[in-house]
Amino acid sequence: MISKKKIQWMILTVVIILIVFISYKYFFRETIKNEAESKVATELTMNEAIEIGRVKVKEWSKEANLLKIISQDETMGGTRGETGKRYIWNLYFSDPKKW
């Protein structure tokens, strides 16, 4: 026969495991939710898009120059450029030394 003390320890162990599991699930879900929220598209001004593009293009070439920038996002809603901001900016860079 199993002693009362052993049963209490088993119940306590199960409760602790459940608490840890539920806490982990809650924390993990919040982490995923926060990551997803941080990846939500936001409207950018042309200058903000250029700055982001320059940082990324420097990984490719230190000498790259901006050739052209075009905005496009008519199907995404938002302000559609009325405030000078857009969701999508196409930036074209060129490096004369790589031609």
Protein backbone atom coordinates (compact mmCIF):
# COMPACT_ATOMS: atom_id res chain seq x y z
CA MET A 1 0.00 0.00 0.00
CA ILE A 2 1.21 3.51 -0.83
CA SER A 3 1.75 5.73 2.16
CA LYS A 4 -0.07 9.02 2.63
CA LYS A 5 3.20 10.93 2.45
CA LYS A 6 4.09 9.36 -0.92
CA ILE A 7 0.69 10.32 -2.35
CA GLN A 8 1.14 13.89 -1.12
CA TRP A 9 4.55 14.11 -2.78
CA MET A 10 3.17 12.70 -6.03
CA ILE A 11 0.32 15.24 -6.03
CA LEU A 12 2.73 18.06 -5.23
CA THR A 13 5.04 16.95 -8.04
CA VAL A 14 2.17 16.85 -10.54
CA VAL A 15 0.96 20.29 -9.43
CA ILE A 16 4.46 21.76 -9.79
CA ILE A 17 4.86 20.22 -13.25
CA LEU A 18 1.49 21.64 -14.29
CA ILE A 19 2.39 25.10 -13.00
CA VAL A 20 5.70 25.05 -14.85
CA PHE A 21 4.05 23.79 -18.04
CA ILE A 22 1.24 26.38 -17.94
CA SER A 23 3.69 29.19 -17.14
CA TYR A 24 5.93 28.16 -20.02
CA LYS A 25 3.00 27.98 -22.46
CA TYR A 26 1.79 31.42 -21.38
CA PHE A 27 5.26 32.96 -21.64
CA PHE A 28 5.96 31.33 -25.01
CA ARG A 29 2.60 32.49 -26.40
CA GLU A 30 3.28 36.07 -25.27
CA THR A 31 6.73 35.96 -26.88
CA ILE A 32 5.28 34.82 -30.21
CA LYS A 33 2.56 37.46 -29.96
CA ASN A 34 5.12 40.21 -29.30
CA GLU A 35 7.32 39.06 -32.19
CA ALA A 36 4.34 39.02 -34.54
CA GLU A 37 3.29 42.51 -33.44
CA SER A 38 6.79 43.83 -34.06
CA LYS A 39 6.69 42.54 -37.64
CA VAL A 40 3.45 44.30 -38.50
CA ALA A 41 3.93 46.61 -41.48
CA THR A 42 4.10 50.28 -40.65
CA GLU A 43 3.98 53.24 -42.96
CA LEU A 44 7.31 55.02 -43.50
CA THR A 45 8.25 58.39 -44.92
CA MET A 46 10.54 58.45 -47.93
CA ASN A 47 13.45 59.61 -45.74
CA GLU A 48 12.87 56.77 -43.25
CA ALA A 49 12.84 54.25 -46.12
CA ILE A 50 16.06 55.70 -47.55
CA GLU A 51 17.82 55.49 -44.17
CA ILE A 52 16.77 51.85 -43.70
CA GLY A 53 17.85 51.08 -47.27
CA ARG A 54 21.25 52.73 -46.82
CA VAL A 55 21.98 50.68 -43.73
CA LYS A 56 21.11 47.45 -45.55
CA VAL A 57 22.91 48.33 -48.81
CA LYS A 58 26.15 49.06 -46.92
CA GLU A 59 26.30 45.30 -46.23
CA TRP A 60 26.45 44.81 -50.00
CA SER A 61 28.67 47.75 -50.96
CA LYS A 62 30.12 50.74 -49.14
CA GLU A 63 30.12 52.76 -52.39
CA ALA A 64 26.50 52.15 -53.42
CA ASN A 65 24.38 55.16 -54.32
CA LEU A 66 20.62 55.56 -54.47
CA LEU A 67 19.42 55.64 -58.09
CA LYS A 68 15.66 55.68 -57.77
CA ILE A 69 12.91 55.32 -55.19
CA ILE A 70 9.29 54.41 -55.93
CA SER A 71 6.36 54.00 -53.57
CA GLN A 72 3.67 51.39 -54.09
CA ASP A 73 0.90 50.17 -51.80
CA GLU A 74 -2.49 51.00 -53.26
CA THR A 75 -4.01 47.76 -51.95
CA MET A 76 -2.77 48.01 -48.37
CA GLY A 77 -5.04 50.75 -47.06
CA GLY A 78 -3.52 53.18 -44.63
CA THR A 79 -3.09 56.79 -45.68
CA ARG A 80 -2.08 55.89 -49.24
CA GLY A 81 0.54 58.61 -49.23
CA GLU A 82 -1.68 61.45 -48.05
CA THR A 83 0.60 62.00 -45.04
CA GLY A 84 3.78 61.38 -47.02
CA LYS A 85 4.01 57.84 -45.69
CA ARG A 86 3.75 54.51 -47.51
CA TYR A 87 3.95 50.84 -46.59
CA ILE A 88 6.13 49.83 -49.54
CA TRP A 89 9.10 51.69 -50.94
CA ASN A 90 11.21 50.23 -53.77
CA LEU A 91 14.77 51.52 -53.55
CA TYR A 92 17.26 51.00 -56.35
CA PHE A 93 20.96 51.28 -55.54
CA SER A 94 23.98 50.98 -57.79
CA ASP A 95 27.71 50.66 -57.26
CA PRO A 96 29.73 51.95 -60.23
CA LYS A 97 32.69 49.77 -59.26
CA LYS A 98 30.65 46.57 -59.54
CA TRP A 99 29.54 47.12 -63.14
